[in-house]
Amino acid sequence: MMSLQEMSDRLEIQDLFARYSFAIDDRNWDALDSVFTPDAAIDYTETGGAKGNVTEIKAWLPTVLGNFPKYQHMVATTQLTLDGDRAKSRTILFNPMVIKGEDGGAQTFFIGLWYRDELVRTPDGWRIASRYEEMAYSHNAPMMPPA
């Protein structure tokens, strides 16, 4: 049986992952400051993206996501290991995206991946200290150069 603390931690971490998704989907890059620790290491390279700290990633995101007029980040099914004020997780992401096709029309494609995170409890709540994006699959994705 889970303790009240574990239930609270799990709900707070679930909310943290939702805040990340909404920050990205709303293109509210500054909201990522309440998702990551200031010294977080973020690695999107396996999926063709960047690697860096929060400041570098916040500068990179608008340039790459500007190519996509519409997208959604849906996180679900988190495997979470809590250890006091630290945690590790593996979370599924389903990511439909729209890009302009070569014919000028919209092309919708899908990406599935896992976020592998290390989390830490801070005075302001749970934050992601390290995020690695692991590719699972893509469907109908156009040929694109690495971002």
N, C-alpha and C. Protein backbone atom coordinates (compact mmCIF):
# COMPACT_ATOMS: atom_id res chain seq x y z
N MET A 1 0.84 -1.18 0.00
CA MET A 1 0.00 0.00 0.00
C MET A 1 0.88 1.25 0.00
N MET A 2 0.53 2.22 -0.85
CA MET A 2 1.32 3.45 -0.95
C MET A 2 1.04 4.35 0.25
N SER A 3 2.11 5.02 0.68
CA SER A 3 1.95 6.03 1.72
C SER A 3 1.36 7.29 1.10
N LEU A 4 0.86 8.18 1.94
CA LEU A 4 0.35 9.46 1.45
C LEU A 4 1.46 10.25 0.75
N GLN A 5 2.70 10.16 1.27
CA GLN A 5 3.83 10.86 0.65
C GLN A 5 4.08 10.33 -0.76
N GLU A 6 4.06 9.01 -0.93
CA GLU A 6 4.29 8.44 -2.26
C GLU A 6 3.18 8.83 -3.22
N MET A 7 1.93 8.80 -2.75
CA MET A 7 0.82 9.22 -3.62
C MET A 7 0.99 10.68 -4.04
N SER A 8 1.36 11.52 -3.07
CA SER A 8 1.57 12.93 -3.37
C SER A 8 2.72 13.10 -4.37
N ASP A 9 3.83 12.41 -4.14
CA ASP A 9 4.97 12.52 -5.06
C ASP A 9 4.58 12.09 -6.46
N ARG A 10 3.86 10.99 -6.59
CA ARG A 10 3.45 10.51 -7.91
C ARG A 10 2.54 11.51 -8.62
N LEU A 11 1.61 12.09 -7.90
CA LEU A 11 0.72 13.09 -8.51
C LEU A 11 1.48 14.34 -8.90
N GLU A 12 2.41 14.78 -8.05
CA GLU A 12 3.20 15.97 -8.38
C GLU A 12 4.08 15.73 -9.60
N ILE A 13 4.64 14.54 -9.73
CA ILE A 13 5.47 14.22 -10.90
C ILE A 13 4.61 14.11 -12.15
N GLN A 14 3.43 13.54 -12.02
CA GLN A 14 2.51 13.48 -13.16
C GLN A 14 2.16 14.90 -13.62
N ASP A 15 1.93 15.81 -12.68
CA ASP A 15 1.65 17.20 -13.01
C ASP A 15 2.87 17.87 -13.67
N LEU A 16 4.05 17.54 -13.20
CA LEU A 16 5.29 18.07 -13.79
C LEU A 16 5.38 17.69 -15.27
N PHE A 17 5.09 16.43 -15.58
CA PHE A 17 5.15 15.98 -16.97
C PHE A 17 4.07 16.68 -17.82
N ALA A 18 2.91 16.92 -17.24
CA ALA A 18 1.86 17.65 -17.97
C ALA A 18 2.29 19.09 -18.22
N ARG A 19 2.93 19.72 -17.22
CA ARG A 19 3.42 21.10 -17.40
C ARG A 19 4.44 21.17 -18.54
N TYR A 20 5.30 20.16 -18.63
CA TYR A 20 6.26 20.11 -19.74
C TYR A 20 5.51 20.08 -21.07
N SER A 21 4.55 19.17 -21.19
CA SER A 21 3.82 19.03 -22.46
C SER A 21 3.11 20.31 -22.85
N PHE A 22 2.44 20.94 -21.89
CA PHE A 22 1.73 22.18 -22.20
C PHE A 22 2.70 23.32 -22.51
N ALA A 23 3.83 23.38 -21.84
CA ALA A 23 4.83 24.42 -22.16
C ALA A 23 5.28 24.28 -23.61
N ILE A 24 5.57 23.05 -24.04
CA ILE A 24 6.02 22.82 -25.41
C ILE A 24 4.88 23.12 -26.39
N ASP A 25 3.70 22.56 -26.14
CA ASP A 25 2.59 22.73 -27.09
C ASP A 25 2.08 24.16 -27.17
N ASP A 26 2.20 24.90 -26.08
CA ASP A 26 1.80 26.32 -26.09
C ASP A 26 2.94 27.24 -26.52
N ARG A 27 4.10 26.65 -26.79
CA ARG A 27 5.29 27.40 -27.19
C ARG A 27 5.65 28.45 -26.12
N ASN A 28 5.46 28.04 -24.88
CA ASN A 28 5.76 28.90 -23.73
C ASN A 28 7.10 28.44 -23.14
N TRP A 29 8.17 28.82 -23.80
CA TRP A 29 9.50 28.30 -23.45
C TRP A 29 9.91 28.67 -22.03
N ASP A 30 9.51 29.84 -21.56
CA ASP A 30 9.88 30.24 -20.20
C ASP A 30 9.22 29.37 -19.14
N ALA A 31 8.10 28.73 -19.47
CA ALA A 31 7.45 27.83 -18.51
C ALA A 31 8.34 26.61 -18.21
N LEU A 32 9.31 26.34 -19.07
CA LEU A 32 10.22 25.22 -18.81
C LEU A 32 11.09 25.47 -17.59
N ASP A 33 11.20 26.72 -17.17
CA ASP A 33 11.97 27.02 -15.95
C ASP A 33 11.34 26.40 -14.72
N SER A 34 10.04 26.12 -14.76
CA SER A 34 9.37 25.48 -13.63
C SER A 34 9.25 23.97 -13.83
N VAL A 35 9.90 23.46 -14.86
CA VAL A 35 9.89 22.02 -15.15
C VAL A 35 11.27 21.41 -14.87
N PHE A 36 12.32 22.11 -15.31
CA PHE A 36 13.68 21.60 -15.18
C PHE A 36 14.42 22.31 -14.04
N THR A 37 15.42 21.64 -13.48
CA THR A 37 16.34 22.33 -12.58
C THR A 37 17.20 23.27 -13.43
N PRO A 38 17.74 24.33 -12.84
CA PRO A 38 18.55 25.27 -13.63
C PRO A 38 19.76 24.60 -14.30
N ASP A 39 20.29 23.53 -13.70
CA ASP A 39 21.46 22.85 -14.27
C ASP A 39 21.11 21.55 -14.98
N ALA A 40 19.85 21.38 -15.37
CA ALA A 40 19.40 20.13 -16.00
C ALA A 40 20.18 19.84 -17.28
N ALA A 41 20.40 18.56 -17.53
CA ALA A 41 21.00 18.08 -18.77
C ALA A 41 19.88 17.49 -19.62
N ILE A 42 19.70 18.02 -20.83
CA ILE A 42 18.60 17.61 -21.71
C ILE A 42 19.20 17.10 -23.00
N ASP A 43 18.80 15.90 -23.40
CA ASP A 43 19.40 15.26 -24.57
C ASP A 43 18.31 14.72 -25.50
N TYR A 44 18.11 15.43 -26.62
CA TYR A 44 17.14 15.03 -27.64
C TYR A 44 17.86 14.46 -28.88
N THR A 45 19.14 14.13 -28.79
CA THR A 45 19.93 13.78 -29.97
C THR A 45 19.49 12.49 -30.65
N GLU A 46 18.99 11.52 -29.89
CA GLU A 46 18.59 10.25 -30.52
C GLU A 46 17.45 10.45 -31.50
N THR A 47 16.66 11.49 -31.30
CA THR A 47 15.54 11.77 -32.19
C THR A 47 15.88 12.90 -33.17
N GLY A 48 17.17 13.22 -33.31
CA GLY A 48 17.60 14.22 -34.29
C GLY A 48 17.66 15.62 -33.74
N GLY A 49 17.54 15.78 -32.43
CA GLY A 49 17.50 17.11 -31.84
C GLY A 49 18.80 17.52 -31.18
N ALA A 50 18.67 18.46 -30.28
CA ALA A 50 19.82 19.08 -29.63
C ALA A 50 20.09 18.46 -28.27
N LYS A 51 21.23 18.83 -27.72
CA LYS A 51 21.63 18.43 -26.37
C LYS A 51 22.17 19.68 -25.70
N GLY A 52 21.73 19.92 -24.46
CA GLY A 52 22.23 21.10 -23.77
C GLY A 52 21.56 21.33 -22.44
N ASN A 53 21.81 22.51 -21.90
CA ASN A 53 21.17 22.89 -20.65
C ASN A 53 19.84 23.57 -20.97
N VAL A 54 19.13 23.99 -19.94
CA VAL A 54 17.80 24.57 -20.14
C VAL A 54 17.86 25.83 -21.02
N THR A 55 18.82 26.68 -20.78
CA THR A 55 18.94 27.91 -21.57
C THR A 55 19.17 27.59 -23.05
N GLU A 56 20.06 26.64 -23.32
CA GLU A 56 20.35 26.26 -24.71
C GLU A 56 19.14 25.62 -25.37
N ILE A 57 18.45 24.76 -24.65
CA ILE A 57 17.27 24.09 -25.22
C ILE A 57 16.15 25.10 -25.47
N LYS A 58 15.96 26.04 -24.55
CA LYS A 58 14.93 27.06 -24.75
C LYS A 58 15.22 27.92 -25.98
N ALA A 59 16.47 28.13 -26.29
CA ALA A 59 16.84 28.90 -27.49
C ALA A 59 16.65 28.06 -28.76
N TRP A 60 16.88 26.77 -28.66
CA TRP A 60 16.78 25.86 -29.81
C TRP A 60 15.34 25.52 -30.17
N LEU A 61 14.48 25.32 -29.19
CA LEU A 61 13.11 24.86 -29.44
C LEU A 61 12.33 25.73 -30.43
N PRO A 62 12.32 27.06 -30.31
CA PRO A 62 11.53 27.82 -31.27
C PRO A 62 12.04 27.71 -32.70
N THR A 63 13.34 27.51 -32.87
CA THR A 63 13.86 27.39 -34.23
C THR A 63 13.43 26.08 -34.88
N VAL A 64 13.45 25.00 -34.12
CA VAL A 64 13.09 23.71 -34.71
C VAL A 64 11.58 23.53 -34.77
N LEU A 65 10.88 23.90 -33.71
CA LEU A 65 9.42 23.68 -33.70
C LEU A 65 8.69 24.71 -34.53
N GLY A 66 9.36 25.77 -34.95
CA GLY A 66 8.76 26.72 -35.88
C GLY A 66 8.44 26.09 -37.22
N ASN A 67 9.05 24.95 -37.53
CA ASN A 67 8.78 24.24 -38.79
C ASN A 67 7.47 23.47 -38.75
N PHE A 68 6.86 23.39 -37.58
CA PHE A 68 5.65 22.57 -37.40
C PHE A 68 4.51 23.47 -36.92
N PRO A 69 3.52 23.73 -37.78
CA PRO A 69 2.43 24.61 -37.37
C PRO A 69 1.55 24.02 -36.27
N LYS A 70 1.51 22.70 -36.16
CA LYS A 70 0.68 22.04 -35.16
C LYS A 70 1.39 20.79 -34.65
N TYR A 71 1.22 20.54 -33.36
CA TYR A 71 1.73 19.32 -32.74
C TYR A 71 1.15 19.19 -31.36
N GLN A 72 1.23 17.99 -30.82
CA GLN A 72 0.80 17.72 -29.44
C GLN A 72 1.78 16.75 -28.81
N HIS A 73 1.96 16.91 -27.51
CA HIS A 73 2.80 16.00 -26.73
C HIS A 73 1.91 15.36 -25.67
N MET A 74 1.66 14.07 -25.82
CA MET A 74 0.83 13.37 -24.86
C MET A 74 1.69 12.37 -24.10
N VAL A 75 1.87 12.61 -22.81
CA VAL A 75 2.64 11.70 -21.98
C VAL A 75 1.69 10.76 -21.24
N ALA A 76 2.12 9.51 -21.10
CA ALA A 76 1.29 8.51 -20.43
C ALA A 76 2.16 7.35 -19.98
N THR A 77 1.62 6.55 -19.12
CA THR A 77 2.23 5.30 -18.69
C THR A 77 3.67 5.52 -18.21
N THR A 78 3.76 6.06 -17.03
CA THR A 78 5.06 6.31 -16.42
C THR A 78 5.46 5.17 -15.50
N GLN A 79 6.67 4.68 -15.69
CA GLN A 79 7.29 3.75 -14.75
C GLN A 79 8.18 4.60 -13.86
N LEU A 80 7.88 4.63 -12.57
CA LEU A 80 8.53 5.57 -11.66
C LEU A 80 9.12 4.82 -10.47
N THR A 81 10.38 5.14 -10.17
CA THR A 81 11.05 4.61 -8.99
C THR A 81 11.41 5.79 -8.10
N LEU A 82 10.78 5.84 -6.94
CA LEU A 82 11.02 6.91 -5.98
C LEU A 82 12.08 6.47 -4.98
N ASP A 83 12.96 7.42 -4.64
CA ASP A 83 13.99 7.17 -3.63
C ASP A 83 14.19 8.46 -2.83
N GLY A 84 13.30 8.70 -1.87
CA GLY A 84 13.39 9.92 -1.07
C GLY A 84 13.12 11.15 -1.92
N ASP A 85 14.13 12.04 -1.99
CA ASP A 85 14.01 13.28 -2.76
C ASP A 85 14.49 13.14 -4.19
N ARG A 86 14.70 11.92 -4.64
CA ARG A 86 15.14 11.66 -6.01
C ARG A 86 14.23 10.60 -6.61
N ALA A 87 14.18 10.58 -7.93
CA ALA A 87 13.36 9.58 -8.62
C ALA A 87 13.92 9.37 -10.02
N LYS A 88 13.62 8.21 -10.57
CA LYS A 88 13.92 7.90 -11.97
C LYS A 88 12.62 7.46 -12.63
N SER A 89 12.47 7.84 -13.90
CA SER A 89 11.23 7.48 -14.59
C SER A 89 11.50 7.18 -16.06
N ARG A 90 10.57 6.42 -16.60
CA ARG A 90 10.51 6.15 -18.04
C ARG A 90 9.06 6.36 -18.42
N THR A 91 8.81 7.32 -19.33
CA THR A 91 7.45 7.73 -19.67
C THR A 91 7.25 7.69 -21.17
N ILE A 92 6.12 7.17 -21.59
CA ILE A 92 5.78 7.13 -23.01
C ILE A 92 5.34 8.52 -23.48
N LEU A 93 5.79 8.90 -24.66
CA LEU A 93 5.30 10.11 -25.32
C LEU A 93 4.73 9.71 -26.68
N PHE A 94 3.52 10.15 -26.97
CA PHE A 94 2.90 10.03 -28.28
C PHE A 94 2.82 11.43 -28.83
N ASN A 95 3.42 11.65 -30.02
CA ASN A 95 3.61 13.00 -30.53
C ASN A 95 3.17 13.12 -31.99
N PRO A 96 1.87 13.44 -32.24
CA PRO A 96 1.46 13.75 -33.61
C PRO A 96 1.96 15.15 -33.98
N MET A 97 2.42 15.28 -35.22
CA MET A 97 2.95 16.56 -35.69
C MET A 97 2.47 16.81 -37.11
N VAL A 98 2.36 18.09 -37.46
CA VAL A 98 1.97 18.49 -38.81
C VAL A 98 3.09 19.32 -39.40
N ILE A 99 3.41 19.04 -40.66
CA ILE A 99 4.41 19.80 -41.40
C ILE A 99 3.85 20.07 -42.78
N LYS A 100 4.29 21.15 -43.39
CA LYS A 100 3.88 21.41 -44.77
C LYS A 100 4.58 20.41 -45.67
N GLY A 101 3.78 19.74 -46.51
CA GLY A 101 4.34 18.78 -47.45
C GLY A 101 4.96 19.49 -48.64
N GLU A 102 5.66 18.71 -49.46
CA GLU A 102 6.29 19.29 -50.65
C GLU A 102 5.28 19.90 -51.59
N ASP A 103 4.04 19.39 -51.57
CA ASP A 103 2.98 19.92 -52.43
C ASP A 103 2.27 21.13 -51.81
N GLY A 104 2.74 21.56 -50.63
CA GLY A 104 2.15 22.71 -49.96
C GLY A 104 1.03 22.34 -48.99
N GLY A 105 0.57 21.10 -49.08
CA GLY A 105 -0.48 20.65 -48.17
C GLY A 105 0.11 20.21 -46.83
N ALA A 106 -0.76 19.93 -45.91
CA ALA A 106 -0.33 19.50 -44.59
C ALA A 106 -0.08 17.99 -44.57
N GLN A 107 1.00 17.59 -43.95
CA GLN A 107 1.30 16.18 -43.76
C GLN A 107 1.37 15.92 -42.25
N THR A 108 0.54 14.99 -41.80
CA THR A 108 0.54 14.62 -40.38
C THR A 108 1.35 13.35 -40.21
N PHE A 109 2.22 13.36 -39.22
CA PHE A 109 2.99 12.16 -38.91
C PHE A 109 3.02 11.95 -37.40
N PHE A 110 3.47 10.79 -36.99
CA PHE A 110 3.44 10.42 -35.58
C PHE A 110 4.80 9.93 -35.12
N ILE A 111 5.16 10.32 -33.92
CA ILE A 111 6.40 9.87 -33.30
C ILE A 111 6.05 9.28 -31.94
N GLY A 112 6.64 8.14 -31.64
CA GLY A 112 6.50 7.54 -30.33
C GLY A 112 7.88 7.44 -29.71
N LEU A 113 7.99 7.82 -28.47
CA LEU A 113 9.28 7.74 -27.80
C LEU A 113 9.09 7.61 -26.31
N TRP A 114 10.21 7.45 -25.63
CA TRP A 114 10.22 7.43 -24.17
C TRP A 114 11.07 8.58 -23.68
N TYR A 115 10.61 9.20 -22.61
CA TYR A 115 11.44 10.12 -21.85
C TYR A 115 12.05 9.32 -20.70
N ARG A 116 13.36 9.34 -20.60
CA ARG A 116 14.06 8.74 -19.47
C ARG A 116 14.55 9.91 -18.62
N ASP A 117 13.98 10.03 -17.43
CA ASP A 117 14.23 11.20 -16.60
C ASP A 117 14.84 10.83 -15.25
N GLU A 118 15.64 11.75 -14.76
CA GLU A 118 16.06 11.75 -13.37
C GLU A 118 15.43 13.00 -12.76
N LEU A 119 14.75 12.81 -11.64
CA LEU A 119 14.00 13.89 -11.02
C LEU A 119 14.52 14.16 -9.63
N VAL A 120 14.29 15.38 -9.18
CA VAL A 120 14.74 15.77 -7.85
C VAL A 120 13.67 16.67 -7.22
N ARG A 121 13.45 16.45 -5.92
CA ARG A 121 12.54 17.33 -5.18
C ARG A 121 13.32 18.58 -4.79
N THR A 122 12.78 19.74 -5.12
CA THR A 122 13.40 21.02 -4.79
C THR A 122 12.46 21.76 -3.82
N PRO A 123 12.91 22.88 -3.27
CA PRO A 123 11.99 23.67 -2.43
C PRO A 123 10.74 24.12 -3.19
N ASP A 124 10.82 24.17 -4.53
CA ASP A 124 9.67 24.57 -5.35
C ASP A 124 8.91 23.39 -5.92
N GLY A 125 9.21 22.18 -5.48
CA GLY A 125 8.54 20.99 -5.98
C GLY A 125 9.47 20.13 -6.83
N TRP A 126 8.90 19.07 -7.39
CA TRP A 126 9.68 18.16 -8.23
C TRP A 126 10.12 18.85 -9.52
N ARG A 127 11.35 18.57 -9.95
CA ARG A 127 11.88 19.11 -11.21
C ARG A 127 12.65 17.99 -11.92
N ILE A 128 12.77 18.13 -13.22
CA ILE A 128 13.57 17.20 -14.02
C ILE A 128 15.02 17.69 -13.99
N ALA A 129 15.92 16.82 -13.52
CA ALA A 129 17.35 17.15 -13.47
C ALA A 129 18.07 16.64 -14.71
N SER A 130 17.51 15.61 -15.33
CA SER A 130 18.12 15.03 -16.53
C SER A 130 17.01 14.40 -17.36
N ARG A 131 17.02 14.70 -18.66
CA ARG A 131 16.04 14.09 -19.57
C ARG A 131 16.77 13.57 -20.79
N TYR A 132 16.49 12.30 -21.11
CA TYR A 132 16.99 11.69 -22.34
C TYR A 132 15.79 11.22 -23.13
N GLU A 133 15.74 11.60 -24.40
CA GLU A 133 14.63 11.24 -25.27
C GLU A 133 15.06 10.03 -26.11
N GLU A 134 14.37 8.91 -25.90
CA GLU A 134 14.69 7.65 -26.59
C GLU A 134 13.66 7.36 -27.66
N MET A 135 14.10 7.19 -28.89
CA MET A 135 13.20 6.95 -30.01
C MET A 135 12.62 5.54 -29.95
N ALA A 136 11.32 5.44 -30.24
CA ALA A 136 10.67 4.14 -30.34
C ALA A 136 10.24 3.87 -31.79
N TYR A 137 9.47 4.79 -32.37
CA TYR A 137 8.99 4.59 -33.73
C TYR A 137 8.55 5.92 -34.33
N SER A 138 8.38 5.91 -35.63
CA SER A 138 7.72 7.03 -36.31
C SER A 138 6.85 6.44 -37.42
N HIS A 139 5.84 7.19 -37.79
CA HIS A 139 4.93 6.75 -38.85
C HIS A 139 4.62 7.94 -39.75
N ASN A 140 4.81 7.75 -41.04
CA ASN A 140 4.51 8.76 -42.04
C ASN A 140 5.38 10.01 -41.91
N ALA A 141 6.55 9.85 -41.30
CA ALA A 141 7.45 10.99 -41.10
C ALA A 141 8.15 11.34 -42.41
N PRO A 142 8.19 12.63 -42.76
CA PRO A 142 8.90 13.04 -43.96
C PRO A 142 10.41 12.98 -43.72
N MET A 143 11.14 12.93 -44.80
CA MET A 143 12.60 13.00 -44.68
C MET A 143 12.97 14.41 -44.25
N MET A 144 13.69 14.51 -43.14
CA MET A 144 14.08 15.82 -42.62
C MET A 144 15.52 15.74 -42.18
N PRO A 145 16.28 16.81 -42.39
CA PRO A 145 17.64 16.82 -41.85
C PRO A 145 17.59 16.94 -40.33
N PRO A 146 18.64 16.49 -39.64
CA PRO A 146 18.67 16.69 -38.18
C PRO A 146 18.51 18.16 -37.82
N ALA A 147 17.83 18.39 -36.72
CA ALA A 147 17.53 19.78 -36.33
C ALA A 147 18.72 20.44 -35.68
